[in-house]
């Protein structure tokens, strides 16, 4: 099965509303196409891993007014690491 035939098969199955992985068709792909397919399969989980976060809000006092110059400390409970900002 040629690469063009594999693409045609994929298009046909997608247009029918269903897609089942044909391992014979995958085995017949050229190495470049196979690497591309594998990258597509693992890209989602890799992109889901992140080491950044954001935190936003307003510090208010008892009168519900913003507190100027307040210090906020956050703590990562898993690593016991803290960070303070003013």
PDB file of N, CA and C in Angstrom:
ATOM      1  N   UNK A   1       0.852  -1.170   0.000  1.00  0.00           N
ATOM      2  CA  UNK A   1       0.000   0.000   0.000  1.00  0.00           C
ATOM      3  C   UNK A   1       0.904   1.241   0.000  1.00  0.00           C
ATOM      4  N   UNK A   2       0.666   2.123  -0.910  1.00  0.00           N
ATOM      5  CA  UNK A   2       1.485   3.330  -1.005  1.00  0.00           C
ATOM      6  C   UNK A   2       1.020   4.363   0.008  1.00  0.00           C
ATOM      7  N   UNK A   3       1.843   5.377   0.194  1.00  0.00           N
ATOM      8  CA  UNK A   3       1.490   6.446   1.129  1.00  0.00           C
ATOM      9  C   UNK A   3       0.216   7.158   0.684  1.00  0.00           C
ATOM     10  N   UNK A   4       0.058   7.354  -0.615  1.00  0.00           N
ATOM     11  CA  UNK A   4      -1.150   7.999  -1.151  1.00  0.00           C
ATOM     12  C   UNK A   4      -2.383   7.139  -0.875  1.00  0.00           C
ATOM     13  N   UNK A   5      -2.233   5.835  -0.985  1.00  0.00           N
ATOM     14  CA  UNK A   5      -3.355   4.937  -0.705  1.00  0.00           C
ATOM     15  C   UNK A   5      -3.725   4.965   0.771  1.00  0.00           C
ATOM     16  N   UNK A   6      -2.715   5.058   1.632  1.00  0.00           N
ATOM     17  CA  UNK A   6      -2.979   5.142   3.072  1.00  0.00           C
ATOM     18  C   UNK A   6      -3.744   6.425   3.380  1.00  0.00           C
ATOM     19  N   UNK A   7      -3.312   7.529   2.784  1.00  0.00           N
ATOM     20  CA  UNK A   7      -4.005   8.800   3.005  1.00  0.00           C
ATOM     21  C   UNK A   7      -5.448   8.731   2.505  1.00  0.00           C
ATOM     22  N   UNK A   8      -5.642   8.117   1.351  1.00  0.00           N
ATOM     23  CA  UNK A   8      -6.995   7.976   0.812  1.00  0.00           C
ATOM     24  C   UNK A   8      -7.857   7.123   1.741  1.00  0.00           C
ATOM     25  N   UNK A   9      -7.282   6.079   2.269  1.00  0.00           N
ATOM     26  CA  UNK A   9      -7.996   5.202   3.203  1.00  0.00           C
ATOM     27  C   UNK A   9      -8.392   5.976   4.469  1.00  0.00           C
ATOM     28  N   UNK A  10      -7.481   6.768   4.989  1.00  0.00           N
ATOM     29  CA  UNK A  10      -7.763   7.562   6.190  1.00  0.00           C
ATOM     30  C   UNK A  10      -8.880   8.553   5.904  1.00  0.00           C
ATOM     31  N   UNK A  11      -8.788   9.256   4.754  1.00  0.00           N
ATOM     32  CA  UNK A  11      -9.837  10.210   4.397  1.00  0.00           C
ATOM     33  C   UNK A  11     -11.196   9.528   4.267  1.00  0.00           C
ATOM     34  N   UNK A  12     -11.218   8.363   3.649  1.00  0.00           N
ATOM     35  CA  UNK A  12     -12.463   7.639   3.464  1.00  0.00           C
ATOM     36  C   UNK A  12     -13.065   7.242   4.813  1.00  0.00           C
ATOM     37  N   UNK A  13     -12.237   6.702   5.689  1.00  0.00           N
ATOM     38  CA  UNK A  13     -12.753   6.264   6.991  1.00  0.00           C
ATOM     39  C   UNK A  13     -13.222   7.440   7.841  1.00  0.00           C
ATOM     40  N   UNK A  14     -12.504   8.560   7.768  1.00  0.00           N
ATOM     41  CA  UNK A  14     -12.930   9.740   8.517  1.00  0.00           C
ATOM     42  C   UNK A  14     -14.251  10.267   7.992  1.00  0.00           C
ATOM     43  N   UNK A  15     -14.443  10.226   6.670  1.00  0.00           N
ATOM     44  CA  UNK A  15     -15.692  10.714   6.086  1.00  0.00           C
ATOM     45  C   UNK A  15     -16.856   9.801   6.441  1.00  0.00           C
ATOM     46  N   UNK A  16     -16.583   8.539   6.718  1.00  0.00           N
ATOM     47  CA  UNK A  16     -17.635   7.594   7.113  1.00  0.00           C
ATOM     48  C   UNK A  16     -17.985   7.728   8.588  1.00  0.00           C
ATOM     49  N   UNK A  17     -17.252   8.544   9.317  1.00  0.00           N
ATOM     50  CA  UNK A  17     -17.551   8.763  10.724  1.00  0.00           C
ATOM     51  C   UNK A  17     -16.853   7.826  11.680  1.00  0.00           C
ATOM     52  N   UNK A  18     -16.004   6.983  11.195  1.00  0.00           N
ATOM     53  CA  UNK A  18     -15.295   6.067  12.086  1.00  0.00           C
ATOM     54  C   UNK A  18     -13.880   5.854  11.608  1.00  0.00           C
ATOM     55  N   UNK A  19     -13.016   5.534  12.525  1.00  0.00           N
ATOM     56  CA  UNK A  19     -11.625   5.293  12.154  1.00  0.00           C
ATOM     57  C   UNK A  19     -11.092   4.182  13.035  1.00  0.00           C
ATOM     58  N   UNK A  20     -10.598   3.147  12.391  1.00  0.00           N
ATOM     59  CA  UNK A  20      -9.993   2.034  13.110  1.00  0.00           C
ATOM     60  C   UNK A  20      -8.568   1.904  12.595  1.00  0.00           C
ATOM     61  N   UNK A  21      -7.642   1.777  13.497  1.00  0.00           N
ATOM     62  CA  UNK A  21      -6.226   1.713  13.125  1.00  0.00           C
ATOM     63  C   UNK A  21      -5.928   0.406  12.404  1.00  0.00           C
ATOM     64  N   UNK A  22      -5.412   0.527  11.195  1.00  0.00           N
ATOM     65  CA  UNK A  22      -5.040  -0.626  10.389  1.00  0.00           C
ATOM     66  C   UNK A  22      -3.532  -0.819  10.548  1.00  0.00           C
ATOM     67  N   UNK A  23      -3.133  -1.802  11.342  1.00  0.00           N
ATOM     68  CA  UNK A  23      -1.716  -1.999  11.637  1.00  0.00           C
ATOM     69  C   UNK A  23      -0.923  -2.370  10.395  1.00  0.00           C
ATOM     70  N   UNK A  24      -1.516  -3.061   9.445  1.00  0.00           N
ATOM     71  CA  UNK A  24      -0.819  -3.389   8.201  1.00  0.00           C
ATOM     72  C   UNK A  24      -0.493  -2.120   7.436  1.00  0.00           C
ATOM     73  N   UNK A  25      -1.437  -1.185   7.389  1.00  0.00           N
ATOM     74  CA  UNK A  25      -1.209   0.082   6.688  1.00  0.00           C
ATOM     75  C   UNK A  25      -0.110   0.877   7.383  1.00  0.00           C
ATOM     76  N   UNK A  26      -0.090   0.863   8.715  1.00  0.00           N
ATOM     77  CA  UNK A  26       0.951   1.575   9.457  1.00  0.00           C
ATOM     78  C   UNK A  26       2.314   0.937   9.196  1.00  0.00           C
ATOM     79  N   UNK A  27       2.366  -0.382   9.147  1.00  0.00           N
ATOM     80  CA  UNK A  27       3.630  -1.078   8.913  1.00  0.00           C
ATOM     81  C   UNK A  27       4.176  -0.789   7.516  1.00  0.00           C
ATOM     82  N   UNK A  28       3.295  -0.491   6.569  1.00  0.00           N
ATOM     83  CA  UNK A  28       3.722  -0.225   5.196  1.00  0.00           C
ATOM     84  C   UNK A  28       4.164   1.223   4.981  1.00  0.00           C
ATOM     85  N   UNK A  29       3.989   2.089   5.965  1.00  0.00           N
ATOM     86  CA  UNK A  29       4.373   3.489   5.800  1.00  0.00           C
ATOM     87  C   UNK A  29       5.888   3.636   5.700  1.00  0.00           C
ATOM     88  N   UNK A  30       6.301   4.671   5.028  1.00  0.00           N
ATOM     89  CA  UNK A  30       7.726   4.980   4.959  1.00  0.00           C
ATOM     90  C   UNK A  30       8.198   5.417   6.341  1.00  0.00           C
ATOM     91  N   UNK A  31       9.481   5.243   6.656  1.00  0.00           N
ATOM     92  CA  UNK A  31       9.986   5.609   7.987  1.00  0.00           C
ATOM     93  C   UNK A  31       9.687   7.054   8.376  1.00  0.00           C
ATOM     94  N   UNK A  32       9.777   7.985   7.432  1.00  0.00           N
ATOM     95  CA  UNK A  32       9.503   9.385   7.752  1.00  0.00           C
ATOM     96  C   UNK A  32       8.056   9.574   8.172  1.00  0.00           C
ATOM     97  N   UNK A  33       7.148   8.948   7.447  1.00  0.00           N
ATOM     98  CA  UNK A  33       5.732   9.052   7.773  1.00  0.00           C
ATOM     99  C   UNK A  33       5.439   8.386   9.111  1.00  0.00           C
ATOM    100  N   UNK A  34       6.111   7.287   9.383  1.00  0.00           N
ATOM    101  CA  UNK A  34       5.919   6.579  10.645  1.00  0.00           C
ATOM    102  C   UNK A  34       6.388   7.424  11.826  1.00  0.00           C
ATOM    103  N   UNK A  35       7.531   8.082  11.680  1.00  0.00           N
ATOM    104  CA  UNK A  35       8.035   8.975  12.734  1.00  0.00           C
ATOM    105  C   UNK A  35       7.056  10.122  12.942  1.00  0.00           C
ATOM    106  N   UNK A  36       6.541  10.697  11.859  1.00  0.00           N
ATOM    107  CA  UNK A  36       5.563  11.781  11.952  1.00  0.00           C
ATOM    108  C   UNK A  36       4.311  11.312  12.692  1.00  0.00           C
ATOM    109  N   UNK A  37       3.827  10.118  12.377  1.00  0.00           N
ATOM    110  CA  UNK A  37       2.649   9.570  13.036  1.00  0.00           C
ATOM    111  C   UNK A  37       2.905   9.383  14.535  1.00  0.00           C
ATOM    112  N   UNK A  38       4.068   8.867  14.883  1.00  0.00           N
ATOM    113  CA  UNK A  38       4.399   8.676  16.297  1.00  0.00           C
ATOM    114  C   UNK A  38       4.484  10.008  17.033  1.00  0.00           C
ATOM    115  N   UNK A  39       5.055  11.014  16.383  1.00  0.00           N
ATOM    116  CA  UNK A  39       5.126  12.339  17.010  1.00  0.00           C
ATOM    117  C   UNK A  39       3.743  12.913  17.258  1.00  0.00           C
ATOM    118  N   UNK A  40       2.830  12.702  16.328  1.00  0.00           N
ATOM    119  CA  UNK A  40       1.462  13.173  16.517  1.00  0.00           C
ATOM    120  C   UNK A  40       0.796  12.479  17.695  1.00  0.00           C
ATOM    121  N   UNK A  41       1.076  11.200  17.864  1.00  0.00           N
ATOM    122  CA  UNK A  41       0.451  10.444  18.943  1.00  0.00           C
ATOM    123  C   UNK A  41       0.959  10.858  20.321  1.00  0.00           C
ATOM    124  N   UNK A  42       2.241  11.251  20.403  1.00  0.00           N
ATOM    125  CA  UNK A  42       2.784  11.598  21.716  1.00  0.00           C
ATOM    126  C   UNK A  42       2.784  13.096  21.990  1.00  0.00           C
ATOM    127  N   UNK A  43       2.440  13.909  20.996  1.00  0.00           N
ATOM    128  CA  UNK A  43       2.505  15.359  21.166  1.00  0.00           C
ATOM    129  C   UNK A  43       1.538  15.856  22.237  1.00  0.00           C
ATOM    130  N   UNK A  44       0.332  15.349  22.260  1.00  0.00           N
ATOM    131  CA  UNK A  44      -0.661  15.803  23.233  1.00  0.00           C
ATOM    132  C   UNK A  44      -0.215  15.628  24.675  1.00  0.00           C
ATOM    133  N   UNK A  45       0.164  14.397  25.066  1.00  0.00           N
ATOM    134  CA  UNK A  45       0.623  14.215  26.446  1.00  0.00           C
ATOM    135  C   UNK A  45       1.861  15.037  26.785  1.00  0.00           C
ATOM    136  N   UNK A  46       2.756  15.222  25.830  1.00  0.00           N
ATOM    137  CA  UNK A  46       3.950  16.022  26.099  1.00  0.00           C
ATOM    138  C   UNK A  46       3.606  17.484  26.320  1.00  0.00           C
ATOM    139  N   UNK A  47       2.677  18.001  25.542  1.00  0.00           N
ATOM    140  CA  UNK A  47       2.281  19.396  25.690  1.00  0.00           C
ATOM    141  C   UNK A  47       1.505  19.629  26.981  1.00  0.00           C
ATOM    142  N   UNK A  48       0.914  18.580  27.515  1.00  0.00           N
ATOM    143  CA  UNK A  48       0.141  18.720  28.738  1.00  0.00           C
ATOM    144  C   UNK A  48       1.034  18.886  29.968  1.00  0.00           C
ATOM    145  N   UNK A  49       2.301  18.545  29.857  1.00  0.00           N
ATOM    146  CA  UNK A  49       3.221  18.668  30.976  1.00  0.00           C
ATOM    147  C   UNK A  49       3.794  20.077  31.016  1.00  0.00           C
ATOM    148  N   UNK A  50       3.594  20.761  32.121  1.00  0.00           N
ATOM    149  CA  UNK A  50       4.097  22.121  32.242  1.00  0.00           C
ATOM    150  C   UNK A  50       4.608  22.352  33.652  1.00  0.00           C
ATOM    151  N   UNK A  51       5.532  23.258  33.791  1.00  0.00           N
ATOM    152  CA  UNK A  51       6.084  23.535  35.114  1.00  0.00           C
ATOM    153  C   UNK A  51       5.858  24.992  35.504  1.00  0.00           C
ATOM    154  N   UNK A  52       4.915  25.643  34.883  1.00  0.00           N
ATOM    155  CA  UNK A  52       4.619  27.027  35.215  1.00  0.00           C
ATOM    156  C   UNK A  52       3.164  27.155  35.649  1.00  0.00           C
ATOM    157  N   UNK A  53       2.919  28.195  36.398  1.00  0.00           N
ATOM    158  CA  UNK A  53       1.560  28.477  36.852  1.00  0.00           C
ATOM    159  C   UNK A  53       1.446  29.967  37.079  1.00  0.00           C
ATOM    160  N   UNK A  54       0.236  30.424  37.250  1.00  0.00           N
ATOM    161  CA  UNK A  54       0.027  31.826  37.579  1.00  0.00           C
ATOM    162  C   UNK A  54      -1.013  31.926  38.681  1.00  0.00           C
ATOM    163  N   UNK A  55      -0.902  32.962  39.436  1.00  0.00           N
ATOM    164  CA  UNK A  55      -1.806  33.214  40.546  1.00  0.00           C
ATOM    165  C   UNK A  55      -2.122  34.698  40.529  1.00  0.00           C
ATOM    166  N   UNK A  56      -3.375  35.030  40.599  1.00  0.00           N
ATOM    167  CA  UNK A  56      -3.739  36.447  40.602  1.00  0.00           C
ATOM    168  C   UNK A  56      -4.884  36.673  41.574  1.00  0.00           C
ATOM    169  N   UNK A  57      -4.992  37.891  42.027  1.00  0.00           N
ATOM    170  CA  UNK A  57      -6.065  38.242  42.955  1.00  0.00           C
ATOM    171  C   UNK A  57      -5.787  39.578  43.601  1.00  0.00           C
ATOM    172  N   UNK A  58      -6.652  39.949  44.514  1.00  0.00           N
ATOM    173  CA  UNK A  58      -6.527  41.206  45.241  1.00  0.00           C
ATOM    174  C   UNK A  58      -6.610  40.927  46.732  1.00  0.00           C
ATOM    175  N   UNK A  59      -5.664  41.485  47.484  1.00  0.00           N
ATOM    176  CA  UNK A  59      -5.689  41.360  48.938  1.00  0.00           C
ATOM    177  C   UNK A  59      -6.569  42.488  49.465  1.00  0.00           C
ATOM    178  N   UNK A  60      -7.589  42.104  50.224  1.00  0.00           N
ATOM    179  CA  UNK A  60      -8.501  43.117  50.779  1.00  0.00           C
ATOM    180  C   UNK A  60      -8.525  43.022  52.297  1.00  0.00           C
ATOM    181  N   UNK A  61      -8.802  44.143  52.913  1.00  0.00           N
ATOM    182  CA  UNK A  61      -8.928  44.212  54.361  1.00  0.00           C
ATOM    183  C   UNK A  61     -10.378  44.030  54.783  1.00  0.00           C
ATOM    184  N   UNK A  62     -10.668  44.228  56.083  1.00  0.00           N
ATOM    185  CA  UNK A  62     -12.019  44.042  56.602  1.00  0.00           C
ATOM    186  C   UNK A  62     -13.052  44.970  55.934  1.00  0.00           C
ATOM    187  N   UNK A  63     -12.622  46.114  55.445  1.00  0.00           N
ATOM    188  CA  UNK A  63     -13.560  47.045  54.813  1.00  0.00           C
ATOM    189  C   UNK A  63     -13.733  46.751  53.324  1.00  0.00           C
ATOM    190  N   UNK A  64     -13.185  45.630  52.836  1.00  0.00           N
ATOM    191  CA  UNK A  64     -13.260  45.195  51.438  1.00  0.00           C
ATOM    192  C   UNK A  64     -12.493  46.112  50.490  1.00  0.00           C
ATOM    193  N   UNK A  65     -11.581  46.931  51.027  1.00  0.00           N
ATOM    194  CA  UNK A  65     -10.738  47.781  50.190  1.00  0.00           C
ATOM    195  C   UNK A  65      -9.395  47.083  49.985  1.00  0.00           C
ATOM    196  N   UNK A  66      -8.748  47.344  48.851  1.00  0.00           N
ATOM    197  CA  UNK A  66      -7.455  46.739  48.556  1.00  0.00           C
ATOM    198  C   UNK A  66      -6.412  47.183  49.577  1.00  0.00           C
ATOM    199  N   UNK A  67      -5.561  46.243  50.004  1.00  0.00           N
ATOM    200  CA  UNK A  67      -4.496  46.521  50.956  1.00  0.00           C
ATOM    201  C   UNK A  67      -3.217  46.810  50.175  1.00  0.00           C
ATOM    202  N   UNK A  68      -2.656  47.981  50.371  1.00  0.00           N
ATOM    203  CA  UNK A  68      -1.434  48.376  49.680  1.00  0.00           C
ATOM    204  C   UNK A  68      -0.222  47.829  50.415  1.00  0.00           C
ATOM    205  N   UNK A  69       0.761  47.294  49.666  1.00  0.00           N
ATOM    206  CA  UNK A  69       2.017  46.832  50.262  1.00  0.00           C
ATOM    207  C   UNK A  69       1.924  45.498  50.972  1.00  0.00           C
ATOM    208  N   UNK A  70       0.883  44.733  50.746  1.00  0.00           N
ATOM    209  CA  UNK A  70       0.741  43.425  51.394  1.00  0.00           C
ATOM    210  C   UNK A  70       1.762  42.445  50.834  1.00  0.00           C
ATOM    211  N   UNK A  71       2.245  41.559  51.680  1.00  0.00           N
ATOM    212  CA  UNK A  71       3.153  40.498  51.255  1.00  0.00           C
ATOM    213  C   UNK A  71       2.365  39.201  51.162  1.00  0.00           C
ATOM    214  N   UNK A  72       2.527  38.507  50.044  1.00  0.00           N
ATOM    215  CA  UNK A  72       1.847  37.231  49.828  1.00  0.00           C
ATOM    216  C   UNK A  72       2.911  36.152  49.736  1.00  0.00           C
ATOM    217  N   UNK A  73       2.732  35.081  50.477  1.00  0.00           N
ATOM    218  CA  UNK A  73       3.649  33.946  50.448  1.00  0.00           C
ATOM    219  C   UNK A  73       2.881  32.725  49.977  1.00  0.00           C
ATOM    220  N   UNK A  74       3.431  32.044  48.981  1.00  0.00           N
ATOM    221  CA  UNK A  74       2.830  30.802  48.503  1.00  0.00           C
ATOM    222  C   UNK A  74       3.799  29.666  48.800  1.00  0.00           C
ATOM    223  N   UNK A  75       3.240  28.459  48.991  1.00  0.00           N
ATOM    224  CA  UNK A  75       4.074  27.315  49.356  1.00  0.00           C
ATOM    225  C   UNK A  75       3.680  26.106  48.521  1.00  0.00           C
ATOM    226  N   UNK A  76       4.676  25.454  47.942  1.00  0.00           N
ATOM    227  CA  UNK A  76       4.465  24.206  47.232  1.00  0.00           C
ATOM    228  C   UNK A  76       4.510  23.095  48.278  1.00  0.00           C
ATOM    229  N   UNK A  77       3.369  22.486  48.536  1.00  0.00           N
ATOM    230  CA  UNK A  77       3.304  21.474  49.582  1.00  0.00           C
ATOM    231  C   UNK A  77       4.109  20.228  49.238  1.00  0.00           C
ATOM    232  N   UNK A  78       4.280  19.938  47.959  1.00  0.00           N
ATOM    233  CA  UNK A  78       5.027  18.750  47.547  1.00  0.00           C
ATOM    234  C   UNK A  78       6.528  18.913  47.791  1.00  0.00           C
ATOM    235  N   UNK A  79       7.050  20.130  47.610  1.00  0.00           N
ATOM    236  CA  UNK A  79       8.501  20.347  47.739  1.00  0.00           C
ATOM    237  C   UNK A  79       8.853  21.201  48.949  1.00  0.00           C
ATOM    238  N   UNK A  80       7.861  21.737  49.642  1.00  0.00           N
ATOM    239  CA  UNK A  80       8.051  22.629  50.781  1.00  0.00           C
ATOM    240  C   UNK A  80       8.743  23.929  50.397  1.00  0.00           C
ATOM    241  N   UNK A  81       8.763  24.259  49.109  1.00  0.00           N
ATOM    242  CA  UNK A  81       9.376  25.480  48.618  1.00  0.00           C
ATOM    243  C   UNK A  81       8.378  26.641  48.759  1.00  0.00           C
ATOM    244  N   UNK A  82       8.872  27.791  49.227  1.00  0.00           N
ATOM    245  CA  UNK A  82       8.005  28.954  49.382  1.00  0.00           C
ATOM    246  C   UNK A  82       8.529  30.102  48.526  1.00  0.00           C
ATOM    247  N   UNK A  83       7.605  31.016  48.200  1.00  0.00           N
ATOM    248  CA  UNK A  83       7.962  32.209  47.438  1.00  0.00           C
ATOM    249  C   UNK A  83       7.094  33.349  47.944  1.00  0.00           C
ATOM    250  N   UNK A  84       7.730  34.474  48.232  1.00  0.00           N
ATOM    251  CA  UNK A  84       7.004  35.640  48.719  1.00  0.00           C
ATOM    252  C   UNK A  84       7.152  36.802  47.748  1.00  0.00           C
ATOM    253  N   UNK A  85       6.073  37.555  47.588  1.00  0.00           N
ATOM    254  CA  UNK A  85       6.086  38.759  46.770  1.00  0.00           C
ATOM    255  C   UNK A  85       5.339  39.859  47.518  1.00  0.00           C
ATOM    256  N   UNK A  86       5.726  41.101  47.248  1.00  0.00           N
ATOM    257  CA  UNK A  86       5.052  42.220  47.876  1.00  0.00           C
ATOM    258  C   UNK A  86       4.440  43.093  46.814  1.00  0.00           C
TER     259      UNK A  86
END
